[in-house]
């Protein structure tokens, strides 16, 4: 992601087994992670993610709507003007 980019609210529900948690690793520019409920219209909570932060969710929250607010412009010492997100899910 580059400054101004965002990821709208969505669910990760394409896997065959949604019993396994999601693990998300943030690198680079800080981001605001939006975490809502099981309906898109549910109110979201906002969490600031910095370089190296890891978020894990599963169980009843596994299908919660989530996303990333537009990124503020900035410069990360190692990665410059970008944010990298690594998301791990059980595929099989």
PDB file of N, CA and C in Angstrom:
ATOM      1  N   UNK A   1       0.833  -1.181   0.000  1.00  0.00           N
ATOM      2  CA  UNK A   1       0.000   0.000   0.000  1.00  0.00           C
ATOM      3  C   UNK A   1       0.876   1.242   0.000  1.00  0.00           C
ATOM      4  N   UNK A   2       0.447   2.262  -0.687  1.00  0.00           N
ATOM      5  CA  UNK A   2       1.151   3.528  -0.674  1.00  0.00           C
ATOM      6  C   UNK A   2       0.244   4.574  -0.050  1.00  0.00           C
ATOM      7  N   UNK A   3       0.767   5.742   0.358  1.00  0.00           N
ATOM      8  CA  UNK A   3      -0.065   6.768   0.980  1.00  0.00           C
ATOM      9  C   UNK A   3      -1.348   7.018   0.183  1.00  0.00           C
ATOM     10  N   UNK A   4      -2.457   7.142   0.916  1.00  0.00           N
ATOM     11  CA  UNK A   4      -3.758   7.357   0.300  1.00  0.00           C
ATOM     12  C   UNK A   4      -4.500   6.062   0.019  1.00  0.00           C
ATOM     13  N   UNK A   5      -3.774   4.940  -0.032  1.00  0.00           N
ATOM     14  CA  UNK A   5      -4.416   3.644  -0.312  1.00  0.00           C
ATOM     15  C   UNK A   5      -5.210   3.174   0.897  1.00  0.00           C
ATOM     16  N   UNK A   6      -6.226   2.376   0.638  1.00  0.00           N
ATOM     17  CA  UNK A   6      -7.025   1.811   1.723  1.00  0.00           C
ATOM     18  C   UNK A   6      -7.506   0.428   1.301  1.00  0.00           C
ATOM     19  N   UNK A   7      -8.004  -0.315   2.266  1.00  0.00           N
ATOM     20  CA  UNK A   7      -8.648  -1.592   1.982  1.00  0.00           C
ATOM     21  C   UNK A   7     -10.008  -1.544   2.660  1.00  0.00           C
ATOM     22  N   UNK A   8     -11.062  -1.529   1.854  1.00  0.00           N
ATOM     23  CA  UNK A   8     -12.405  -1.378   2.400  1.00  0.00           C
ATOM     24  C   UNK A   8     -12.787  -2.595   3.245  1.00  0.00           C
ATOM     25  N   UNK A   9     -13.839  -2.409   4.030  1.00  0.00           N
ATOM     26  CA  UNK A   9     -14.288  -3.473   4.921  1.00  0.00           C
ATOM     27  C   UNK A   9     -14.641  -4.725   4.134  1.00  0.00           C
ATOM     28  N   UNK A  10     -14.141  -5.854   4.614  1.00  0.00           N
ATOM     29  CA  UNK A  10     -14.387  -7.134   3.956  1.00  0.00           C
ATOM     30  C   UNK A  10     -14.278  -8.260   4.975  1.00  0.00           C
ATOM     31  N   UNK A  11     -14.700  -9.444   4.580  1.00  0.00           N
ATOM     32  CA  UNK A  11     -14.535 -10.654   5.375  1.00  0.00           C
ATOM     33  C   UNK A  11     -13.595 -11.586   4.627  1.00  0.00           C
ATOM     34  N   UNK A  12     -12.794 -12.347   5.366  1.00  0.00           N
ATOM     35  CA  UNK A  12     -11.965 -13.386   4.754  1.00  0.00           C
ATOM     36  C   UNK A  12     -12.722 -14.695   4.918  1.00  0.00           C
ATOM     37  N   UNK A  13     -13.483 -15.059   3.882  1.00  0.00           N
ATOM     38  CA  UNK A  13     -14.345 -16.230   4.003  1.00  0.00           C
ATOM     39  C   UNK A  13     -14.204 -17.204   2.842  1.00  0.00           C
ATOM     40  N   UNK A  14     -13.138 -17.084   2.054  1.00  0.00           N
ATOM     41  CA  UNK A  14     -12.967 -17.943   0.894  1.00  0.00           C
ATOM     42  C   UNK A  14     -12.286 -19.278   1.199  1.00  0.00           C
ATOM     43  N   UNK A  15     -11.734 -19.422   2.382  1.00  0.00           N
ATOM     44  CA  UNK A  15     -11.051 -20.659   2.727  1.00  0.00           C
ATOM     45  C   UNK A  15     -12.071 -21.765   3.024  1.00  0.00           C
ATOM     46  N   UNK A  16     -11.659 -23.003   2.769  1.00  0.00           N
ATOM     47  CA  UNK A  16     -12.534 -24.136   3.088  1.00  0.00           C
ATOM     48  C   UNK A  16     -12.726 -24.290   4.592  1.00  0.00           C
ATOM     49  N   UNK A  17     -11.663 -24.030   5.361  1.00  0.00           N
ATOM     50  CA  UNK A  17     -11.704 -24.193   6.814  1.00  0.00           C
ATOM     51  C   UNK A  17     -11.538 -22.828   7.472  1.00  0.00           C
ATOM     52  N   UNK A  18     -12.639 -22.256   7.931  1.00  0.00           N
ATOM     53  CA  UNK A  18     -12.539 -20.948   8.596  1.00  0.00           C
ATOM     54  C   UNK A  18     -12.347 -21.106  10.101  1.00  0.00           C
ATOM     55  N   UNK A  19     -12.037 -22.322  10.536  1.00  0.00           N
ATOM     56  CA  UNK A  19     -11.773 -22.558  11.954  1.00  0.00           C
ATOM     57  C   UNK A  19     -10.400 -22.069  12.385  1.00  0.00           C
ATOM     58  N   UNK A  20      -9.493 -21.919  11.452  1.00  0.00           N
ATOM     59  CA  UNK A  20      -8.139 -21.448  11.769  1.00  0.00           C
ATOM     60  C   UNK A  20      -8.125 -19.921  11.811  1.00  0.00           C
ATOM     61  N   UNK A  21      -7.315 -19.328  12.689  1.00  0.00           N
ATOM     62  CA  UNK A  21      -7.270 -17.864  12.796  1.00  0.00           C
ATOM     63  C   UNK A  21      -6.578 -17.211  11.601  1.00  0.00           C
ATOM     64  N   UNK A  22      -6.712 -15.898  11.525  1.00  0.00           N
ATOM     65  CA  UNK A  22      -5.997 -15.063  10.560  1.00  0.00           C
ATOM     66  C   UNK A  22      -4.871 -14.366  11.321  1.00  0.00           C
ATOM     67  N   UNK A  23      -3.700 -14.310  10.711  1.00  0.00           N
ATOM     68  CA  UNK A  23      -2.554 -13.620  11.296  1.00  0.00           C
ATOM     69  C   UNK A  23      -2.109 -12.562  10.300  1.00  0.00           C
ATOM     70  N   UNK A  24      -2.023 -11.318  10.759  1.00  0.00           N
ATOM     71  CA  UNK A  24      -1.677 -10.194   9.897  1.00  0.00           C
ATOM     72  C   UNK A  24      -0.454  -9.471  10.468  1.00  0.00           C
ATOM     73  N   UNK A  25       0.584  -9.307   9.641  1.00  0.00           N
ATOM     74  CA  UNK A  25       1.829  -8.636  10.056  1.00  0.00           C
ATOM     75  C   UNK A  25       1.955  -7.333   9.280  1.00  0.00           C
ATOM     76  N   UNK A  26       2.172  -6.221   9.993  1.00  0.00           N
ATOM     77  CA  UNK A  26       2.313  -4.902   9.369  1.00  0.00           C
ATOM     78  C   UNK A  26       3.782  -4.491   9.319  1.00  0.00           C
ATOM     79  N   UNK A  27       4.195  -3.992   8.158  1.00  0.00           N
ATOM     80  CA  UNK A  27       5.560  -3.503   7.970  1.00  0.00           C
ATOM     81  C   UNK A  27       5.503  -2.145   7.275  1.00  0.00           C
ATOM     82  N   UNK A  28       6.409  -1.258   7.621  1.00  0.00           N
ATOM     83  CA  UNK A  28       6.479   0.048   6.960  1.00  0.00           C
ATOM     84  C   UNK A  28       5.623   1.096   7.632  1.00  0.00           C
ATOM     85  N   UNK A  29       4.970   1.924   6.804  1.00  0.00           N
ATOM     86  CA  UNK A  29       4.163   3.028   7.332  1.00  0.00           C
ATOM     87  C   UNK A  29       3.093   2.554   8.302  1.00  0.00           C
ATOM     88  N   UNK A  30       2.768   3.370   9.308  1.00  0.00           N
ATOM     89  CA  UNK A  30       1.684   3.002  10.215  1.00  0.00           C
ATOM     90  C   UNK A  30       0.338   3.018   9.486  1.00  0.00           C
ATOM     91  N   UNK A  31      -0.604   2.260  10.006  1.00  0.00           N
ATOM     92  CA  UNK A  31      -1.936   2.178   9.416  1.00  0.00           C
ATOM     93  C   UNK A  31      -2.974   2.152  10.520  1.00  0.00           C
ATOM     94  N   UNK A  32      -4.209   2.484  10.166  1.00  0.00           N
ATOM     95  CA  UNK A  32      -5.336   2.355  11.092  1.00  0.00           C
ATOM     96  C   UNK A  32      -6.152   1.159  10.649  1.00  0.00           C
ATOM     97  N   UNK A  33      -6.156   0.130  11.494  1.00  0.00           N
ATOM     98  CA  UNK A  33      -6.887  -1.105  11.222  1.00  0.00           C
ATOM     99  C   UNK A  33      -8.311  -0.932  11.734  1.00  0.00           C
ATOM    100  N   UNK A  34      -9.274  -1.237  10.896  1.00  0.00           N
ATOM    101  CA  UNK A  34     -10.690  -1.129  11.246  1.00  0.00           C
ATOM    102  C   UNK A  34     -11.215  -2.533  11.492  1.00  0.00           C
ATOM    103  N   UNK A  35     -11.828  -2.755  12.654  1.00  0.00           N
ATOM    104  CA  UNK A  35     -12.325  -4.080  13.013  1.00  0.00           C
ATOM    105  C   UNK A  35     -13.769  -3.936  13.466  1.00  0.00           C
ATOM    106  N   UNK A  36     -14.678  -4.559  12.717  1.00  0.00           N
ATOM    107  CA  UNK A  36     -16.101  -4.422  12.994  1.00  0.00           C
ATOM    108  C   UNK A  36     -16.734  -5.708  13.486  1.00  0.00           C
ATOM    109  N   UNK A  37     -18.000  -5.855  13.154  1.00  0.00           N
ATOM    110  CA  UNK A  37     -18.757  -7.020  13.579  1.00  0.00           C
ATOM    111  C   UNK A  37     -19.032  -7.956  12.422  1.00  0.00           C
ATOM    112  N   UNK A  38     -20.036  -8.791  12.591  1.00  0.00           N
ATOM    113  CA  UNK A  38     -20.366  -9.790  11.581  1.00  0.00           C
ATOM    114  C   UNK A  38     -21.208  -9.230  10.446  1.00  0.00           C
ATOM    115  N   UNK A  39     -21.664  -7.963  10.589  1.00  0.00           N
ATOM    116  CA  UNK A  39     -22.398  -7.282   9.517  1.00  0.00           C
ATOM    117  C   UNK A  39     -21.576  -6.073   9.094  1.00  0.00           C
ATOM    118  N   UNK A  40     -21.575  -5.782   7.801  1.00  0.00           N
ATOM    119  CA  UNK A  40     -20.799  -4.643   7.289  1.00  0.00           C
ATOM    120  C   UNK A  40     -21.192  -3.328   7.978  1.00  0.00           C
ATOM    121  N   UNK A  41     -22.468  -3.191   8.339  1.00  0.00           N
ATOM    122  CA  UNK A  41     -22.960  -1.950   8.936  1.00  0.00           C
ATOM    123  C   UNK A  41     -22.601  -1.811  10.421  1.00  0.00           C
ATOM    124  N   UNK A  42     -22.076  -2.870  11.043  1.00  0.00           N
ATOM    125  CA  UNK A  42     -21.709  -2.785  12.466  1.00  0.00           C
ATOM    126  C   UNK A  42     -20.613  -1.741  12.660  1.00  0.00           C
ATOM    127  N   UNK A  43     -20.638  -1.099  13.811  1.00  0.00           N
ATOM    128  CA  UNK A  43     -19.639  -0.090  14.140  1.00  0.00           C
ATOM    129  C   UNK A  43     -18.244  -0.723  14.201  1.00  0.00           C
ATOM    130  N   UNK A  44     -17.246   0.001  13.700  1.00  0.00           N
ATOM    131  CA  UNK A  44     -15.871  -0.512  13.728  1.00  0.00           C
ATOM    132  C   UNK A  44     -15.081   0.120  14.866  1.00  0.00           C
ATOM    133  N   UNK A  45     -14.134  -0.637  15.363  1.00  0.00           N
ATOM    134  CA  UNK A  45     -13.146  -0.112  16.301  1.00  0.00           C
ATOM    135  C   UNK A  45     -11.889   0.165  15.495  1.00  0.00           C
ATOM    136  N   UNK A  46     -11.111   1.165  15.923  1.00  0.00           N
ATOM    137  CA  UNK A  46      -9.915   1.575  15.192  1.00  0.00           C
ATOM    138  C   UNK A  46      -8.674   1.275  16.032  1.00  0.00           C
ATOM    139  N   UNK A  47      -7.686   0.657  15.393  1.00  0.00           N
ATOM    140  CA  UNK A  47      -6.437   0.314  16.068  1.00  0.00           C
ATOM    141  C   UNK A  47      -5.274   0.800  15.208  1.00  0.00           C
ATOM    142  N   UNK A  48      -4.342   1.502  15.816  1.00  0.00           N
ATOM    143  CA  UNK A  48      -3.166   1.972  15.090  1.00  0.00           C
ATOM    144  C   UNK A  48      -2.142   0.843  15.037  1.00  0.00           C
ATOM    145  N   UNK A  49      -1.694   0.522  13.831  1.00  0.00           N
ATOM    146  CA  UNK A  49      -0.690  -0.518  13.634  1.00  0.00           C
ATOM    147  C   UNK A  49       0.621   0.121  13.196  1.00  0.00           C
ATOM    148  N   UNK A  50       1.692  -0.234  13.872  1.00  0.00           N
ATOM    149  CA  UNK A  50       3.021   0.268  13.543  1.00  0.00           C
ATOM    150  C   UNK A  50       3.850  -0.867  12.939  1.00  0.00           C
ATOM    151  N   UNK A  51       5.010  -0.523  12.419  1.00  0.00           N
ATOM    152  CA  UNK A  51       5.933  -1.488  11.832  1.00  0.00           C
ATOM    153  C   UNK A  51       6.212  -2.618  12.830  1.00  0.00           C
ATOM    154  N   UNK A  52       5.972  -3.847  12.408  1.00  0.00           N
ATOM    155  CA  UNK A  52       6.236  -4.999  13.265  1.00  0.00           C
ATOM    156  C   UNK A  52       5.045  -5.484  14.076  1.00  0.00           C
ATOM    157  N   UNK A  53       3.941  -4.751  14.064  1.00  0.00           N
ATOM    158  CA  UNK A  53       2.757  -5.189  14.811  1.00  0.00           C
ATOM    159  C   UNK A  53       2.127  -6.412  14.154  1.00  0.00           C
ATOM    160  N   UNK A  54       1.605  -7.293  14.987  1.00  0.00           N
ATOM    161  CA  UNK A  54       0.939  -8.513  14.527  1.00  0.00           C
ATOM    162  C   UNK A  54      -0.463  -8.540  15.128  1.00  0.00           C
ATOM    163  N   UNK A  55      -1.450  -8.830  14.290  1.00  0.00           N
ATOM    164  CA  UNK A  55      -2.839  -8.964  14.743  1.00  0.00           C
ATOM    165  C   UNK A  55      -3.284 -10.390  14.427  1.00  0.00           C
ATOM    166  N   UNK A  56      -3.923 -11.032  15.417  1.00  0.00           N
ATOM    167  CA  UNK A  56      -4.437 -12.390  15.240  1.00  0.00           C
ATOM    168  C   UNK A  56      -5.891 -12.394  15.659  1.00  0.00           C
ATOM    169  N   UNK A  57      -6.781 -12.930  14.798  1.00  0.00           N
ATOM    170  CA  UNK A  57      -8.173 -13.078  15.212  1.00  0.00           C
ATOM    171  C   UNK A  57      -8.743 -14.374  14.669  1.00  0.00           C
ATOM    172  N   UNK A  58      -9.635 -14.946  15.473  1.00  0.00           N
ATOM    173  CA  UNK A  58     -10.245 -16.217  15.116  1.00  0.00           C
ATOM    174  C   UNK A  58     -11.477 -16.452  15.966  1.00  0.00           C
ATOM    175  N   UNK A  59     -11.889 -17.690  16.050  1.00  0.00           N
ATOM    176  CA  UNK A  59     -13.079 -18.028  16.821  1.00  0.00           C
ATOM    177  C   UNK A  59     -14.296 -17.282  16.296  1.00  0.00           C
ATOM    178  N   UNK A  60     -15.172 -16.809  17.185  1.00  0.00           N
ATOM    179  CA  UNK A  60     -16.381 -16.101  16.742  1.00  0.00           C
ATOM    180  C   UNK A  60     -16.069 -14.840  15.923  1.00  0.00           C
ATOM    181  N   UNK A  61     -14.902 -14.240  16.129  1.00  0.00           N
ATOM    182  CA  UNK A  61     -14.530 -13.007  15.412  1.00  0.00           C
ATOM    183  C   UNK A  61     -13.907 -13.298  14.051  1.00  0.00           C
ATOM    184  N   UNK A  62     -13.718 -14.556  13.705  1.00  0.00           N
ATOM    185  CA  UNK A  62     -13.027 -14.916  12.459  1.00  0.00           C
ATOM    186  C   UNK A  62     -13.662 -14.289  11.219  1.00  0.00           C
ATOM    187  N   UNK A  63     -14.988 -14.134  11.209  1.00  0.00           N
ATOM    188  CA  UNK A  63     -15.683 -13.564  10.055  1.00  0.00           C
ATOM    189  C   UNK A  63     -16.047 -12.085  10.252  1.00  0.00           C
ATOM    190  N   UNK A  64     -15.415 -11.430  11.197  1.00  0.00           N
ATOM    191  CA  UNK A  64     -15.677 -10.004  11.408  1.00  0.00           C
ATOM    192  C   UNK A  64     -15.219  -9.202  10.187  1.00  0.00           C
ATOM    193  N   UNK A  65     -15.989  -8.186   9.842  1.00  0.00           N
ATOM    194  CA  UNK A  65     -15.581  -7.275   8.773  1.00  0.00           C
ATOM    195  C   UNK A  65     -14.386  -6.468   9.257  1.00  0.00           C
ATOM    196  N   UNK A  66     -13.411  -6.263   8.383  1.00  0.00           N
ATOM    197  CA  UNK A  66     -12.195  -5.539   8.752  1.00  0.00           C
ATOM    198  C   UNK A  66     -11.613  -4.871   7.509  1.00  0.00           C
ATOM    199  N   UNK A  67     -10.750  -3.901   7.731  1.00  0.00           N
ATOM    200  CA  UNK A  67     -10.123  -3.189   6.626  1.00  0.00           C
ATOM    201  C   UNK A  67      -9.065  -2.232   7.143  1.00  0.00           C
ATOM    202  N   UNK A  68      -8.572  -1.389   6.261  1.00  0.00           N
ATOM    203  CA  UNK A  68      -7.543  -0.407   6.606  1.00  0.00           C
ATOM    204  C   UNK A  68      -7.984   0.954   6.095  1.00  0.00           C
ATOM    205  N   UNK A  69      -7.937   1.965   6.969  1.00  0.00           N
ATOM    206  CA  UNK A  69      -8.272   3.340   6.586  1.00  0.00           C
ATOM    207  C   UNK A  69      -7.195   3.869   5.630  1.00  0.00           C
ATOM    208  N   UNK A  70      -7.507   4.923   4.866  1.00  0.00           N
ATOM    209  CA  UNK A  70      -6.489   5.496   3.967  1.00  0.00           C
ATOM    210  C   UNK A  70      -5.194   5.815   4.725  1.00  0.00           C
ATOM    211  N   UNK A  71      -4.079   5.476   4.123  1.00  0.00           N
ATOM    212  CA  UNK A  71      -2.778   5.705   4.758  1.00  0.00           C
ATOM    213  C   UNK A  71      -2.383   7.173   4.684  1.00  0.00           C
ATOM    214  N   UNK A  72      -1.819   7.657   5.773  1.00  0.00           N
ATOM    215  CA  UNK A  72      -1.262   9.011   5.775  1.00  0.00           C
ATOM    216  C   UNK A  72       0.093   8.980   5.072  1.00  0.00           C
ATOM    217  N   UNK A  73       0.448  10.090   4.463  1.00  0.00           N
ATOM    218  CA  UNK A  73       1.748  10.175   3.810  1.00  0.00           C
ATOM    219  C   UNK A  73       2.828  10.144   4.886  1.00  0.00           C
ATOM    220  N   UNK A  74       3.941   9.606   4.578  1.00  0.00           N
ATOM    221  CA  UNK A  74       5.045   9.537   5.526  1.00  0.00           C
ATOM    222  C   UNK A  74       6.211   8.799   4.924  1.00  0.00           C
ATOM    223  N   UNK A  75       7.228   8.597   5.728  1.00  0.00           N
ATOM    224  CA  UNK A  75       8.445   7.935   5.281  1.00  0.00           C
ATOM    225  C   UNK A  75       8.883   6.992   6.389  1.00  0.00           C
ATOM    226  N   UNK A  76       8.971   5.717   6.068  1.00  0.00           N
ATOM    227  CA  UNK A  76       9.484   4.741   7.025  1.00  0.00           C
ATOM    228  C   UNK A  76      10.982   4.586   6.784  1.00  0.00           C
ATOM    229  N   UNK A  77      11.758   4.471   7.864  1.00  0.00           N
ATOM    230  CA  UNK A  77      13.220   4.426   7.754  1.00  0.00           C
ATOM    231  C   UNK A  77      13.728   3.285   6.867  1.00  0.00           C
ATOM    232  N   UNK A  78      13.045   2.151   6.883  1.00  0.00           N
ATOM    233  CA  UNK A  78      13.501   1.004   6.088  1.00  0.00           C
ATOM    234  C   UNK A  78      12.758   0.822   4.769  1.00  0.00           C
ATOM    235  N   UNK A  79      11.460   1.118   4.761  1.00  0.00           N
ATOM    236  CA  UNK A  79      10.634   0.797   3.599  1.00  0.00           C
ATOM    237  C   UNK A  79      10.145   2.012   2.820  1.00  0.00           C
ATOM    238  N   UNK A  80      10.542   3.203   3.238  1.00  0.00           N
ATOM    239  CA  UNK A  80      10.151   4.398   2.498  1.00  0.00           C
ATOM    240  C   UNK A  80       8.675   4.725   2.639  1.00  0.00           C
ATOM    241  N   UNK A  81       8.050   5.112   1.531  1.00  0.00           N
ATOM    242  CA  UNK A  81       6.666   5.599   1.529  1.00  0.00           C
ATOM    243  C   UNK A  81       5.675   4.478   1.234  1.00  0.00           C
ATOM    244  N   UNK A  82       5.804   3.356   1.931  1.00  0.00           N
ATOM    245  CA  UNK A  82       4.884   2.253   1.680  1.00  0.00           C
ATOM    246  C   UNK A  82       4.606   1.454   2.949  1.00  0.00           C
ATOM    247  N   UNK A  83       3.552   0.662   2.874  1.00  0.00           N
ATOM    248  CA  UNK A  83       3.194  -0.290   3.927  1.00  0.00           C
ATOM    249  C   UNK A  83       3.045  -1.646   3.265  1.00  0.00           C
ATOM    250  N   UNK A  84       3.601  -2.636   3.909  1.00  0.00           N
ATOM    251  CA  UNK A  84       3.460  -4.010   3.440  1.00  0.00           C
ATOM    252  C   UNK A  84       2.698  -4.777   4.510  1.00  0.00           C
ATOM    253  N   UNK A  85       1.686  -5.523   4.072  1.00  0.00           N
ATOM    254  CA  UNK A  85       0.927  -6.369   4.991  1.00  0.00           C
ATOM    255  C   UNK A  85       1.076  -7.812   4.551  1.00  0.00           C
ATOM    256  N   UNK A  86       1.480  -8.664   5.488  1.00  0.00           N
ATOM    257  CA  UNK A  86       1.553 -10.093   5.241  1.00  0.00           C
ATOM    258  C   UNK A  86       0.393 -10.743   5.988  1.00  0.00           C
ATOM    259  N   UNK A  87      -0.476 -11.427   5.271  1.00  0.00           N
ATOM    260  CA  UNK A  87      -1.631 -12.065   5.883  1.00  0.00           C
ATOM    261  C   UNK A  87      -1.497 -13.572   5.717  1.00  0.00           C
ATOM    262  N   UNK A  88      -1.640 -14.272   6.835  1.00  0.00           N
ATOM    263  CA  UNK A  88      -1.527 -15.732   6.824  1.00  0.00           C
ATOM    264  C   UNK A  88      -2.874 -16.337   7.206  1.00  0.00           C
ATOM    265  N   UNK A  89      -3.314 -17.275   6.363  1.00  0.00           N
ATOM    266  CA  UNK A  89      -4.566 -17.995   6.593  1.00  0.00           C
ATOM    267  C   UNK A  89      -4.337 -19.454   6.250  1.00  0.00           C
ATOM    268  N   UNK A  90      -5.091 -20.315   6.864  1.00  0.00           N
ATOM    269  CA  UNK A  90      -4.989 -21.734   6.520  1.00  0.00           C
ATOM    270  C   UNK A  90      -5.746 -21.982   5.227  1.00  0.00           C
ATOM    271  N   UNK A  91      -5.039 -22.444   4.212  1.00  0.00           N
ATOM    272  CA  UNK A  91      -5.645 -22.639   2.886  1.00  0.00           C
ATOM    273  C   UNK A  91      -6.288 -24.019   2.747  1.00  0.00           C
ATOM    274  N   UNK A  92      -5.763 -25.014   3.412  1.00  0.00           N
ATOM    275  CA  UNK A  92      -6.321 -26.369   3.323  1.00  0.00           C
ATOM    276  C   UNK A  92      -6.568 -26.933   4.679  1.00  0.00           C
TER     277      UNK A  92
END
